[in-house]
Amino acid sequence: MQNINESPSPIGQLISQTIAMPRETNSNGDIFGGWLLSQMDLAGAILAGRIASGRVATVAISSMSFLNPVPVGAVVGCYANIMSVGTSSIKISIEAWISHNNKDDLCKVTEGEFVFVAIDDNGNTRNVPSP
C-alpha cells in the first residue's frame, strides 16, 4: 500500500510508450479518449499475449475512468498489472500516465480493466498455458 505522503506512481509494469500527436485531437486540442483507449488496449494485448504464449483478443472492458486531459506532445505510458488468469481469459488493470514538456513528473490520465481471451489460429478459444 502506498504511503499517503508519497506521490502517486503507476501500478504495474511499463508496457508501451508513445507521443500524443496533433492528428489525434478533438476540437479543444486535447487527445481523443478513443485514441487513448486504443493505446491501452494495445498494451494490454502485449502483456496478455506474453501470458497466453500467443494470440489473444479483447473481449471486455469492464470499467474505464478518464481523469485528466492529454495535451499534444505528451509522452503517454501504459502500465499494466495482471489481476487474474483463468482457463482461457486474462484480466488486466491498465493505467495511462503522461509526462509533458520533457519533465520527469508523471500525471495519471486514465485507468481501466480489460479482459482478453487466448485464441488459436482459427479464432477459437484455447487454454492459457500453466506458468
C-alpha atoms as a PDB file:
ATOM      1  CA  MET A   1       0.000   0.000   0.000  1.00  0.00           C
ATOM      2  CA  GLN A   2       1.218   3.474  -0.864  1.00  0.00           C
ATOM      3  CA  ASN A   3       2.073   5.951   1.898  1.00  0.00           C
ATOM      4  CA  ILE A   4      -0.341   8.927   1.848  1.00  0.00           C
ATOM      5  CA  ASN A   5       2.621  11.337   1.849  1.00  0.00           C
ATOM      6  CA  GLU A   6       4.195   9.801  -1.247  1.00  0.00           C
ATOM      7  CA  SER A   7       3.468  11.000  -4.757  1.00  0.00           C
ATOM      8  CA  PRO A   8       1.205   8.641  -6.671  1.00  0.00           C
ATOM      9  CA  SER A   9       3.008   6.335  -9.040  1.00  0.00           C
ATOM     10  CA  PRO A  10       1.963   3.848 -11.698  1.00  0.00           C
ATOM     11  CA  ILE A  11       0.878   0.361 -10.689  1.00  0.00           C
ATOM     12  CA  GLY A  12       2.229  -2.432 -12.858  1.00  0.00           C
ATOM     13  CA  GLN A  13       4.938  -2.611 -15.445  1.00  0.00           C
ATOM     14  CA  LEU A  14       5.528  -0.140 -18.250  1.00  0.00           C
ATOM     15  CA  ILE A  15       4.419  -1.945 -21.406  1.00  0.00           C
ATOM     16  CA  SER A  16       4.363   0.798 -24.050  1.00  0.00           C
ATOM     17  CA  GLN A  17       5.053   4.475 -24.647  1.00  0.00           C
ATOM     18  CA  THR A  18       4.090   6.816 -27.446  1.00  0.00           C
ATOM     19  CA  ILE A  19       3.806  10.543 -28.126  1.00  0.00           C
ATOM     20  CA  ALA A  20       0.379  12.191 -28.397  1.00  0.00           C
ATOM     21  CA  MET A  21       0.311  13.778 -31.850  1.00  0.00           C
ATOM     22  CA  PRO A  22      -1.863  16.629 -33.246  1.00  0.00           C
ATOM     23  CA  ARG A  23      -3.807  14.341 -35.612  1.00  0.00           C
ATOM     24  CA  GLU A  24      -5.364  12.625 -32.554  1.00  0.00           C
ATOM     25  CA  THR A  25      -7.011  15.752 -31.104  1.00  0.00           C
ATOM     26  CA  ASN A  26     -10.580  16.901 -30.622  1.00  0.00           C
ATOM     27  CA  SER A  27     -11.783  20.452 -31.311  1.00  0.00           C
ATOM     28  CA  ASN A  28     -10.449  21.600 -27.917  1.00  0.00           C
ATOM     29  CA  GLY A  29      -6.922  20.462 -28.755  1.00  0.00           C
ATOM     30  CA  ASP A  30      -6.927  17.508 -26.348  1.00  0.00           C
ATOM     31  CA  ILE A  31      -6.284  13.913 -27.341  1.00  0.00           C
ATOM     32  CA  PHE A  32      -9.386  11.823 -28.145  1.00  0.00           C
ATOM     33  CA  GLY A  33     -10.372   9.354 -25.422  1.00  0.00           C
ATOM     34  CA  GLY A  34     -10.787   6.653 -28.077  1.00  0.00           C
ATOM     35  CA  TRP A  35      -7.165   7.027 -29.160  1.00  0.00           C
ATOM     36  CA  LEU A  36      -6.044   6.714 -25.562  1.00  0.00           C
ATOM     37  CA  LEU A  37      -8.239   3.653 -25.061  1.00  0.00           C
ATOM     38  CA  SER A  38      -6.679   2.033 -28.147  1.00  0.00           C
ATOM     39  CA  GLN A  39      -3.173   2.611 -26.758  1.00  0.00           C
ATOM     40  CA  MET A  40      -4.220   0.910 -23.519  1.00  0.00           C
ATOM     41  CA  ASP A  41      -5.782  -1.985 -25.445  1.00  0.00           C
ATOM     42  CA  LEU A  42      -2.543  -2.477 -27.388  1.00  0.00           C
ATOM     43  CA  ALA A  43      -0.506  -2.504 -24.170  1.00  0.00           C
ATOM     44  CA  GLY A  44      -2.894  -4.997 -22.592  1.00  0.00           C
ATOM     45  CA  ALA A  45      -2.725  -7.237 -25.658  1.00  0.00           C
ATOM     46  CA  ILE A  46       1.081  -7.236 -25.473  1.00  0.00           C
ATOM     47  CA  LEU A  47       1.056  -8.408 -21.839  1.00  0.00           C
ATOM     48  CA  ALA A  48      -1.831 -10.851 -22.349  1.00  0.00           C
ATOM     49  CA  GLY A  49      -0.065 -12.322 -25.402  1.00  0.00           C
ATOM     50  CA  ARG A  50       3.041 -12.946 -23.302  1.00  0.00           C
ATOM     51  CA  ILE A  51       0.989 -14.700 -20.635  1.00  0.00           C
ATOM     52  CA  ALA A  52      -1.027 -16.697 -23.186  1.00  0.00           C
ATOM     53  CA  SER A  53       2.085 -17.526 -25.235  1.00  0.00           C
ATOM     54  CA  GLY A  54       0.291 -16.492 -28.389  1.00  0.00           C
ATOM     55  CA  ARG A  55      -2.707 -14.805 -29.922  1.00  0.00           C
ATOM     56  CA  VAL A  56      -5.309 -13.030 -27.757  1.00  0.00           C
ATOM     57  CA  ALA A  57      -8.434 -10.986 -28.361  1.00  0.00           C
ATOM     58  CA  THR A  58     -10.012  -8.248 -26.269  1.00  0.00           C
ATOM     59  CA  VAL A  59     -13.411  -9.466 -25.060  1.00  0.00           C
ATOM     60  CA  ALA A  60     -14.376  -6.820 -22.492  1.00  0.00           C
ATOM     61  CA  ILE A  61     -13.506  -3.516 -20.973  1.00  0.00           C
ATOM     62  CA  SER A  62     -15.271  -3.735 -17.647  1.00  0.00           C
ATOM     63  CA  SER A  63     -14.513  -0.196 -16.473  1.00  0.00           C
ATOM     64  CA  MET A  64     -12.852   2.947 -17.763  1.00  0.00           C
ATOM     65  CA  SER A  65     -12.200   6.245 -15.993  1.00  0.00           C
ATOM     66  CA  PHE A  66     -10.816   9.355 -17.668  1.00  0.00           C
ATOM     67  CA  LEU A  67      -9.158  11.564 -15.051  1.00  0.00           C
ATOM     68  CA  ASN A  68      -7.203  14.273 -16.899  1.00  0.00           C
ATOM     69  CA  PRO A  69      -6.888  15.518 -20.488  1.00  0.00           C
ATOM     70  CA  VAL A  70      -3.844  14.597 -22.572  1.00  0.00           C
ATOM     71  CA  PRO A  71      -2.164  17.520 -24.350  1.00  0.00           C
ATOM     72  CA  VAL A  72      -0.426  17.244 -27.708  1.00  0.00           C
ATOM     73  CA  GLY A  73       3.226  16.323 -27.292  1.00  0.00           C
ATOM     74  CA  ALA A  74       2.793  14.439 -24.031  1.00  0.00           C
ATOM     75  CA  VAL A  75       4.546  11.095 -23.690  1.00  0.00           C
ATOM     76  CA  VAL A  76       1.867   8.513 -22.873  1.00  0.00           C
ATOM     77  CA  GLY A  77       2.985   5.450 -20.924  1.00  0.00           C
ATOM     78  CA  CYS A  78       0.710   2.445 -20.430  1.00  0.00           C
ATOM     79  CA  TYR A  79       1.299   0.416 -17.268  1.00  0.00           C
ATOM     80  CA  ALA A  80      -0.310  -2.985 -16.876  1.00  0.00           C
ATOM     81  CA  ASN A  81      -0.944  -5.194 -13.868  1.00  0.00           C
ATOM     82  CA  ILE A  82      -2.311  -8.743 -14.072  1.00  0.00           C
ATOM     83  CA  MET A  83      -5.473  -9.042 -11.981  1.00  0.00           C
ATOM     84  CA  SER A  84      -6.328 -12.685 -12.703  1.00  0.00           C
ATOM     85  CA  VAL A  85      -5.688 -15.524 -15.116  1.00  0.00           C
ATOM     86  CA  GLY A  86      -8.440 -18.052 -15.803  1.00  0.00           C
ATOM     87  CA  THR A  87      -8.606 -21.123 -18.000  1.00  0.00           C
ATOM     88  CA  SER A  88      -8.670 -19.062 -21.197  1.00  0.00           C
ATOM     89  CA  SER A  89      -9.042 -15.460 -20.003  1.00  0.00           C
ATOM     90  CA  ILE A  90      -6.689 -12.842 -18.609  1.00  0.00           C
ATOM     91  CA  LYS A  91      -7.926  -9.770 -16.705  1.00  0.00           C
ATOM     92  CA  ILE A  92      -5.524  -6.816 -16.690  1.00  0.00           C
ATOM     93  CA  SER A  93      -5.677  -3.418 -14.997  1.00  0.00           C
ATOM     94  CA  ILE A  94      -4.159  -0.751 -17.229  1.00  0.00           C
ATOM     95  CA  GLU A  95      -3.205   2.802 -16.291  1.00  0.00           C
ATOM     96  CA  ALA A  96      -2.119   5.557 -18.669  1.00  0.00           C
ATOM     97  CA  TRP A  97       0.255   8.185 -17.319  1.00  0.00           C
ATOM     98  CA  ILE A  98       1.762  11.166 -19.119  1.00  0.00           C
ATOM     99  CA  SER A  99       4.860  13.278 -18.848  1.00  0.00           C
ATOM    100  CA  HIS A 100       4.924  16.618 -20.615  1.00  0.00           C
ATOM    101  CA  ASN A 101       7.499  19.214 -21.658  1.00  0.00           C
ATOM    102  CA  ASN A 102      10.411  16.782 -21.145  1.00  0.00           C
ATOM    103  CA  LYS A 103       9.809  16.627 -17.396  1.00  0.00           C
ATOM    104  CA  ASP A 104      10.006  13.519 -15.225  1.00  0.00           C
ATOM    105  CA  ASP A 105       6.757  14.369 -13.407  1.00  0.00           C
ATOM    106  CA  LEU A 106       4.030  11.852 -14.171  1.00  0.00           C
ATOM    107  CA  CYS A 107       0.281  12.520 -14.217  1.00  0.00           C
ATOM    108  CA  LYS A 108      -2.291   9.703 -14.278  1.00  0.00           C
ATOM    109  CA  VAL A 109      -4.811  10.341 -17.049  1.00  0.00           C
ATOM    110  CA  THR A 110      -6.916   7.178 -17.193  1.00  0.00           C
ATOM    111  CA  GLU A 111      -7.347   3.650 -15.933  1.00  0.00           C
ATOM    112  CA  GLY A 112      -9.379   0.640 -16.963  1.00  0.00           C
ATOM    113  CA  GLU A 113      -9.883  -3.091 -16.617  1.00  0.00           C
ATOM    114  CA  PHE A 114      -9.500  -5.148 -19.771  1.00  0.00           C
ATOM    115  CA  VAL A 115     -10.284  -8.828 -20.329  1.00  0.00           C
ATOM    116  CA  PHE A 116      -8.515 -10.819 -23.028  1.00  0.00           C
ATOM    117  CA  VAL A 117      -9.087 -14.391 -24.148  1.00  0.00           C
ATOM    118  CA  ALA A 118      -6.471 -16.703 -25.618  1.00  0.00           C
ATOM    119  CA  ILE A 119      -7.372 -17.847 -29.128  1.00  0.00           C
ATOM    120  CA  ASP A 120      -5.880 -20.252 -31.644  1.00  0.00           C
ATOM    121  CA  ASP A 121      -5.059 -19.579 -35.306  1.00  0.00           C
ATOM    122  CA  ASN A 122      -8.702 -20.228 -36.237  1.00  0.00           C
ATOM    123  CA  GLY A 123     -10.040 -17.706 -33.731  1.00  0.00           C
ATOM    124  CA  ASN A 124     -11.297 -20.373 -31.319  1.00  0.00           C
ATOM    125  CA  THR A 125     -10.814 -20.072 -27.567  1.00  0.00           C
ATOM    126  CA  ARG A 126      -7.874 -22.039 -26.193  1.00  0.00           C
ATOM    127  CA  ASN A 127      -6.402 -22.603 -22.737  1.00  0.00           C
ATOM    128  CA  VAL A 128      -3.787 -20.275 -21.279  1.00  0.00           C
ATOM    129  CA  PRO A 129      -0.635 -22.363 -20.628  1.00  0.00           C
ATOM    130  CA  SER A 130       0.219 -23.055 -16.980  1.00  0.00           C
ATOM    131  CA  PRO A 131       3.109 -20.932 -15.685  1.00  0.00           C
END
